[in-house]
Amino acid sequence: MDQQDLKLSRELIYSYKKRLEKEILERSMRLRMPKNKFEDIIHNNNELINLKKALEQLETESEPNNKV
């Protein structure tokens, strides 16, 4: 992947991650869940964990290219 592809991938994944977190927050508030409960859901959600890993991987892939 070139730099532009990596940047676009990071932006799309980050955007999706933020939308998912917002959706969890809104649903939790609608269900009147305690704040600590929906924070636990966000921190332990498998999809969010995988998105964070993907973002980290993209960051490490782009670092060597930035030094060239």
PDB file of N, CA and C in Angstrom:
ATOM      1  N   MET A   1       0.843  -1.195   0.000  1.00  0.00           N
ATOM      2  CA  MET A   1       0.000   0.000   0.000  1.00  0.00           C
ATOM      3  C   MET A   1       0.880   1.248   0.000  1.00  0.00           C
ATOM      4  N   ASP A   2       0.453   2.225  -0.717  1.00  0.00           N
ATOM      5  CA  ASP A   2       1.211   3.471  -0.673  1.00  0.00           C
ATOM      6  C   ASP A   2       0.668   4.358   0.454  1.00  0.00           C
ATOM      7  N   GLN A   3       1.335   5.459   0.668  1.00  0.00           N
ATOM      8  CA  GLN A   3       0.987   6.363   1.774  1.00  0.00           C
ATOM      9  C   GLN A   3      -0.458   6.850   1.706  1.00  0.00           C
ATOM     10  N   GLN A   4      -0.900   7.152   0.512  1.00  0.00           N
ATOM     11  CA  GLN A   4      -2.262   7.665   0.352  1.00  0.00           C
ATOM     12  C   GLN A   4      -3.296   6.601   0.735  1.00  0.00           C
ATOM     13  N   ASP A   5      -3.044   5.353   0.334  1.00  0.00           N
ATOM     14  CA  ASP A   5      -3.941   4.257   0.700  1.00  0.00           C
ATOM     15  C   ASP A   5      -3.950   4.042   2.207  1.00  0.00           C
ATOM     16  N   LEU A   6      -2.779   4.094   2.821  1.00  0.00           N
ATOM     17  CA  LEU A   6      -2.694   3.924   4.272  1.00  0.00           C
ATOM     18  C   LEU A   6      -3.452   5.027   5.001  1.00  0.00           C
ATOM     19  N   LYS A   7      -3.293   6.239   4.531  1.00  0.00           N
ATOM     20  CA  LYS A   7      -3.976   7.370   5.161  1.00  0.00           C
ATOM     21  C   LYS A   7      -5.486   7.224   5.035  1.00  0.00           C
ATOM     22  N   LEU A   8      -5.958   6.863   3.857  1.00  0.00           N
ATOM     23  CA  LEU A   8      -7.390   6.687   3.642  1.00  0.00           C
ATOM     24  C   LEU A   8      -7.926   5.546   4.511  1.00  0.00           C
ATOM     25  N   SER A   9      -7.197   4.456   4.587  1.00  0.00           N
ATOM     26  CA  SER A   9      -7.614   3.327   5.421  1.00  0.00           C
ATOM     27  C   SER A   9      -7.716   3.730   6.880  1.00  0.00           C
ATOM     28  N   ARG A  10      -6.721   4.452   7.369  1.00  0.00           N
ATOM     29  CA  ARG A  10      -6.737   4.931   8.761  1.00  0.00           C
ATOM     30  C   ARG A  10      -7.951   5.817   9.010  1.00  0.00           C
ATOM     31  N   GLU A  11      -8.207   6.737   8.094  1.00  0.00           N
ATOM     32  CA  GLU A  11      -9.337   7.659   8.256  1.00  0.00           C
ATOM     33  C   GLU A  11     -10.667   6.917   8.275  1.00  0.00           C
ATOM     34  N   LEU A  12     -10.830   5.946   7.382  1.00  0.00           N
ATOM     35  CA  LEU A  12     -12.078   5.186   7.322  1.00  0.00           C
ATOM     36  C   LEU A  12     -12.279   4.331   8.567  1.00  0.00           C
ATOM     37  N   ILE A  13     -11.234   3.663   9.006  1.00  0.00           N
ATOM     38  CA  ILE A  13     -11.336   2.826  10.205  1.00  0.00           C
ATOM     39  C   ILE A  13     -11.604   3.691  11.429  1.00  0.00           C
ATOM     40  N   TYR A  14     -10.890   4.811  11.548  1.00  0.00           N
ATOM     41  CA  TYR A  14     -11.087   5.709  12.687  1.00  0.00           C
ATOM     42  C   TYR A  14     -12.516   6.257  12.696  1.00  0.00           C
ATOM     43  N   SER A  15     -13.017   6.630  11.544  1.00  0.00           N
ATOM     44  CA  SER A  15     -14.374   7.152  11.437  1.00  0.00           C
ATOM     45  C   SER A  15     -15.399   6.091  11.848  1.00  0.00           C
ATOM     46  N   TYR A  16     -15.218   4.878  11.366  1.00  0.00           N
ATOM     47  CA  TYR A  16     -16.128   3.797  11.728  1.00  0.00           C
ATOM     48  C   TYR A  16     -16.067   3.514  13.234  1.00  0.00           C
ATOM     49  N   LYS A  17     -14.870   3.509  13.790  1.00  0.00           N
ATOM     50  CA  LYS A  17     -14.683   3.265  15.230  1.00  0.00           C
ATOM     51  C   LYS A  17     -15.425   4.323  16.047  1.00  0.00           C
ATOM     52  N   LYS A  18     -15.313   5.557  15.663  1.00  0.00           N
ATOM     53  CA  LYS A  18     -15.989   6.650  16.379  1.00  0.00           C
ATOM     54  C   LYS A  18     -17.507   6.530  16.259  1.00  0.00           C
ATOM     55  N   ARG A  19     -18.000   6.171  15.082  1.00  0.00           N
ATOM     56  CA  ARG A  19     -19.453   5.990  14.902  1.00  0.00           C
ATOM     57  C   ARG A  19     -19.972   4.848  15.767  1.00  0.00           C
ATOM     58  N   LEU A  20     -19.208   3.761  15.841  1.00  0.00           N
ATOM     59  CA  LEU A  20     -19.601   2.622  16.659  1.00  0.00           C
ATOM     60  C   LEU A  20     -19.619   2.993  18.138  1.00  0.00           C
ATOM     61  N   GLU A  21     -18.595   3.706  18.596  1.00  0.00           N
ATOM     62  CA  GLU A  21     -18.569   4.157  19.990  1.00  0.00           C
ATOM     63  C   GLU A  21     -19.758   5.068  20.293  1.00  0.00           C
ATOM     64  N   LYS A  22     -20.068   5.955  19.363  1.00  0.00           N
ATOM     65  CA  LYS A  22     -21.199   6.866  19.548  1.00  0.00           C
ATOM     66  C   LYS A  22     -22.513   6.093  19.616  1.00  0.00           C
ATOM     67  N   GLU A  23     -22.660   5.091  18.759  1.00  0.00           N
ATOM     68  CA  GLU A  23     -23.874   4.285  18.760  1.00  0.00           C
ATOM     69  C   GLU A  23     -24.034   3.536  20.084  1.00  0.00           C
ATOM     70  N   ILE A  24     -22.949   2.974  20.588  1.00  0.00           N
ATOM     71  CA  ILE A  24     -22.996   2.281  21.883  1.00  0.00           C
ATOM     72  C   ILE A  24     -23.388   3.257  22.982  1.00  0.00           C
ATOM     73  N   LEU A  25     -22.796   4.429  22.952  1.00  0.00           N
ATOM     74  CA  LEU A  25     -23.107   5.450  23.959  1.00  0.00           C
ATOM     75  C   LEU A  25     -24.574   5.864  23.894  1.00  0.00           C
ATOM     76  N   GLU A  26     -25.074   6.135  22.706  1.00  0.00           N
ATOM     77  CA  GLU A  26     -26.471   6.567  22.556  1.00  0.00           C
ATOM     78  C   GLU A  26     -27.451   5.487  22.998  1.00  0.00           C
ATOM     79  N   ARG A  27     -27.179   4.254  22.624  1.00  0.00           N
ATOM     80  CA  ARG A  27     -28.068   3.163  23.035  1.00  0.00           C
ATOM     81  C   ARG A  27     -28.014   2.954  24.541  1.00  0.00           C
ATOM     82  N   SER A  28     -26.837   3.061  25.101  1.00  0.00           N
ATOM     83  CA  SER A  28     -26.693   2.896  26.550  1.00  0.00           C
ATOM     84  C   SER A  28     -27.442   3.985  27.299  1.00  0.00           C
ATOM     85  N   MET A  29     -27.366   5.192  26.793  1.00  0.00           N
ATOM     86  CA  MET A  29     -28.084   6.297  27.430  1.00  0.00           C
ATOM     87  C   MET A  29     -29.595   6.097  27.296  1.00  0.00           C
ATOM     88  N   ARG A  30     -30.026   5.630  26.138  1.00  0.00           N
ATOM     89  CA  ARG A  30     -31.443   5.376  25.924  1.00  0.00           C
ATOM     90  C   ARG A  30     -31.954   4.303  26.892  1.00  0.00           C
ATOM     91  N   LEU A  31     -31.097   3.316  27.176  1.00  0.00           N
ATOM     92  CA  LEU A  31     -31.466   2.256  28.114  1.00  0.00           C
ATOM     93  C   LEU A  31     -31.201   2.650  29.572  1.00  0.00           C
ATOM     94  N   ARG A  32     -30.710   3.866  29.752  1.00  0.00           N
ATOM     95  CA  ARG A  32     -30.413   4.411  31.078  1.00  0.00           C
ATOM     96  C   ARG A  32     -29.437   3.535  31.871  1.00  0.00           C
ATOM     97  N   MET A  33     -28.423   3.104  31.161  1.00  0.00           N
ATOM     98  CA  MET A  33     -27.390   2.290  31.800  1.00  0.00           C
ATOM     99  C   MET A  33     -26.435   3.195  32.570  1.00  0.00           C
ATOM    100  N   PRO A  34     -25.856   2.694  33.655  1.00  0.00           N
ATOM    101  CA  PRO A  34     -24.854   3.482  34.377  1.00  0.00           C
ATOM    102  C   PRO A  34     -23.634   3.756  33.486  1.00  0.00           C
ATOM    103  N   LYS A  35     -23.018   4.884  33.699  1.00  0.00           N
ATOM    104  CA  LYS A  35     -21.883   5.299  32.864  1.00  0.00           C
ATOM    105  C   LYS A  35     -20.769   4.258  32.870  1.00  0.00           C
ATOM    106  N   ASN A  36     -20.465   3.713  34.042  1.00  0.00           N
ATOM    107  CA  ASN A  36     -19.367   2.740  34.096  1.00  0.00           C
ATOM    108  C   ASN A  36     -19.683   1.480  33.292  1.00  0.00           C
ATOM    109  N   LYS A  37     -20.966   1.142  33.156  1.00  0.00           N
ATOM    110  CA  LYS A  37     -21.359  -0.040  32.401  1.00  0.00           C
ATOM    111  C   LYS A  37     -21.106   0.145  30.908  1.00  0.00           C
ATOM    112  N   PHE A  38     -21.518   1.287  30.345  1.00  0.00           N
ATOM    113  CA  PHE A  38     -21.284   1.450  28.905  1.00  0.00           C
ATOM    114  C   PHE A  38     -19.820   1.733  28.601  1.00  0.00           C
ATOM    115  N   GLU A  39     -19.072   2.265  29.557  1.00  0.00           N
ATOM    116  CA  GLU A  39     -17.627   2.403  29.357  1.00  0.00           C
ATOM    117  C   GLU A  39     -16.981   1.016  29.291  1.00  0.00           C
ATOM    118  N   ASP A  40     -17.462   0.101  30.148  1.00  0.00           N
ATOM    119  CA  ASP A  40     -16.971  -1.280  30.097  1.00  0.00           C
ATOM    120  C   ASP A  40     -17.302  -1.928  28.765  1.00  0.00           C
ATOM    121  N   ILE A  41     -18.498  -1.676  28.266  1.00  0.00           N
ATOM    122  CA  ILE A  41     -18.908  -2.239  26.981  1.00  0.00           C
ATOM    123  C   ILE A  41     -17.989  -1.737  25.871  1.00  0.00           C
ATOM    124  N   ILE A  42     -17.691  -0.447  25.882  1.00  0.00           N
ATOM    125  CA  ILE A  42     -16.823   0.133  24.857  1.00  0.00           C
ATOM    126  C   ILE A  42     -15.414  -0.461  24.950  1.00  0.00           C
ATOM    127  N   HIS A  43     -14.898  -0.601  26.162  1.00  0.00           N
ATOM    128  CA  HIS A  43     -13.534  -1.112  26.338  1.00  0.00           C
ATOM    129  C   HIS A  43     -13.416  -2.602  26.046  1.00  0.00           C
ATOM    130  N   ASN A  44     -14.511  -3.352  26.176  1.00  0.00           N
ATOM    131  CA  ASN A  44     -14.467  -4.796  25.998  1.00  0.00           C
ATOM    132  C   ASN A  44     -15.137  -5.282  24.719  1.00  0.00           C
ATOM    133  N   ASN A  45     -15.580  -4.367  23.873  1.00  0.00           N
ATOM    134  CA  ASN A  45     -16.246  -4.740  22.630  1.00  0.00           C
ATOM    135  C   ASN A  45     -15.214  -5.291  21.643  1.00  0.00           C
ATOM    136  N   ASN A  46     -15.452  -6.529  21.183  1.00  0.00           N
ATOM    137  CA  ASN A  46     -14.487  -7.182  20.285  1.00  0.00           C
ATOM    138  C   ASN A  46     -14.251  -6.404  18.995  1.00  0.00           C
ATOM    139  N   GLU A  47     -15.308  -5.857  18.440  1.00  0.00           N
ATOM    140  CA  GLU A  47     -15.152  -5.122  17.186  1.00  0.00           C
ATOM    141  C   GLU A  47     -14.306  -3.867  17.395  1.00  0.00           C
ATOM    142  N   LEU A  48     -14.536  -3.160  18.494  1.00  0.00           N
ATOM    143  CA  LEU A  48     -13.729  -1.969  18.781  1.00  0.00           C
ATOM    144  C   LEU A  48     -12.273  -2.345  19.059  1.00  0.00           C
ATOM    145  N   ILE A  49     -12.069  -3.447  19.750  1.00  0.00           N
ATOM    146  CA  ILE A  49     -10.703  -3.916  20.018  1.00  0.00           C
ATOM    147  C   ILE A  49      -9.993  -4.220  18.701  1.00  0.00           C
ATOM    148  N   ASN A  50     -10.689  -4.890  17.786  1.00  0.00           N
ATOM    149  CA  ASN A  50     -10.093  -5.206  16.484  1.00  0.00           C
ATOM    150  C   ASN A  50      -9.811  -3.951  15.668  1.00  0.00           C
ATOM    151  N   LEU A  51     -10.688  -2.968  15.758  1.00  0.00           N
ATOM    152  CA  LEU A  51     -10.456  -1.706  15.046  1.00  0.00           C
ATOM    153  C   LEU A  51      -9.224  -0.988  15.595  1.00  0.00           C
ATOM    154  N   LYS A  52      -9.072  -0.997  16.924  1.00  0.00           N
ATOM    155  CA  LYS A  52      -7.885  -0.380  17.529  1.00  0.00           C
ATOM    156  C   LYS A  52      -6.617  -1.076  17.063  1.00  0.00           C
ATOM    157  N   LYS A  53      -6.651  -2.414  17.015  1.00  0.00           N
ATOM    158  CA  LYS A  53      -5.485  -3.169  16.548  1.00  0.00           C
ATOM    159  C   LYS A  53      -5.177  -2.840  15.088  1.00  0.00           C
ATOM    160  N   ALA A  54      -6.214  -2.740  14.273  1.00  0.00           N
ATOM    161  CA  ALA A  54      -6.011  -2.416  12.859  1.00  0.00           C
ATOM    162  C   ALA A  54      -5.391  -1.030  12.699  1.00  0.00           C
ATOM    163  N   LEU A  55      -5.868  -0.075  13.500  1.00  0.00           N
ATOM    164  CA  LEU A  55      -5.292   1.280  13.441  1.00  0.00           C
ATOM    165  C   LEU A  55      -3.828   1.269  13.868  1.00  0.00           C
ATOM    166  N   GLU A  56      -3.523   0.512  14.922  1.00  0.00           N
ATOM    167  CA  GLU A  56      -2.131   0.414  15.376  1.00  0.00           C
ATOM    168  C   GLU A  56      -1.253  -0.217  14.305  1.00  0.00           C
ATOM    169  N   GLN A  57      -1.770  -1.251  13.651  1.00  0.00           N
ATOM    170  CA  GLN A  57      -1.013  -1.914  12.599  1.00  0.00           C
ATOM    171  C   GLN A  57      -0.767  -0.966  11.424  1.00  0.00           C
ATOM    172  N   LEU A  58      -1.768  -0.208  11.053  1.00  0.00           N
ATOM    173  CA  LEU A  58      -1.592   0.762   9.968  1.00  0.00           C
ATOM    174  C   LEU A  58      -0.577   1.828  10.343  1.00  0.00           C
ATOM    175  N   GLU A  59      -0.585   2.228  11.612  1.00  0.00           N
ATOM    176  CA  GLU A  59       0.387   3.228  12.076  1.00  0.00           C
ATOM    177  C   GLU A  59       1.809   2.682  11.973  1.00  0.00           C
ATOM    178  N   THR A  60       2.009   1.431  12.397  1.00  0.00           N
ATOM    179  CA  THR A  60       3.355   0.856  12.334  1.00  0.00           C
ATOM    180  C   THR A  60       3.796   0.636  10.894  1.00  0.00           C
ATOM    181  N   GLU A  61       2.846   0.304  10.004  1.00  0.00           N
ATOM    182  CA  GLU A  61       3.181   0.142   8.590  1.00  0.00           C
ATOM    183  C   GLU A  61       3.565   1.464   7.954  1.00  0.00           C
ATOM    184  N   SER A  62       2.955   2.545   8.395  1.00  0.00           N
ATOM    185  CA  SER A  62       3.235   3.835   7.778  1.00  0.00           C
ATOM    186  C   SER A  62       4.481   4.494   8.352  1.00  0.00           C
ATOM    187  N   GLU A  63       4.911   4.107   9.557  1.00  0.00           N
ATOM    188  CA  GLU A  63       6.090   4.724  10.178  1.00  0.00           C
ATOM    189  C   GLU A  63       7.364   4.556   9.358  1.00  0.00           C
ATOM    190  N   PRO A  64       7.707   3.350   8.919  1.00  0.00           N
ATOM    191  CA  PRO A  64       8.934   3.228   8.115  1.00  0.00           C
ATOM    192  C   PRO A  64       8.866   4.051   6.836  1.00  0.00           C
ATOM    193  N   ASN A  65       7.683   4.171   6.253  1.00  0.00           N
ATOM    194  CA  ASN A  65       7.541   4.953   5.028  1.00  0.00           C
ATOM    195  C   ASN A  65       7.732   6.435   5.285  1.00  0.00           C
ATOM    196  N   ASN A  66       7.378   6.894   6.488  1.00  0.00           N
ATOM    197  CA  ASN A  66       7.532   8.301   6.822  1.00  0.00           C
ATOM    198  C   ASN A  66       9.009   8.674   6.983  1.00  0.00           C
ATOM    199  N   LYS A  67       9.848   7.706   7.351  1.00  0.00           N
ATOM    200  CA  LYS A  67      11.259   7.979   7.597  1.00  0.00           C
ATOM    201  C   LYS A  67      12.076   7.989   6.320  1.00  0.00           C
ATOM    202  N   VAL A  68      11.497   7.509   5.221  1.00  0.00           N
ATOM    203  CA  VAL A  68      12.221   7.430   3.943  1.00  0.00           C
ATOM    204  C   VAL A  68      12.298   8.766   3.284  1.00  0.00           C
TER     205      VAL A  68
END
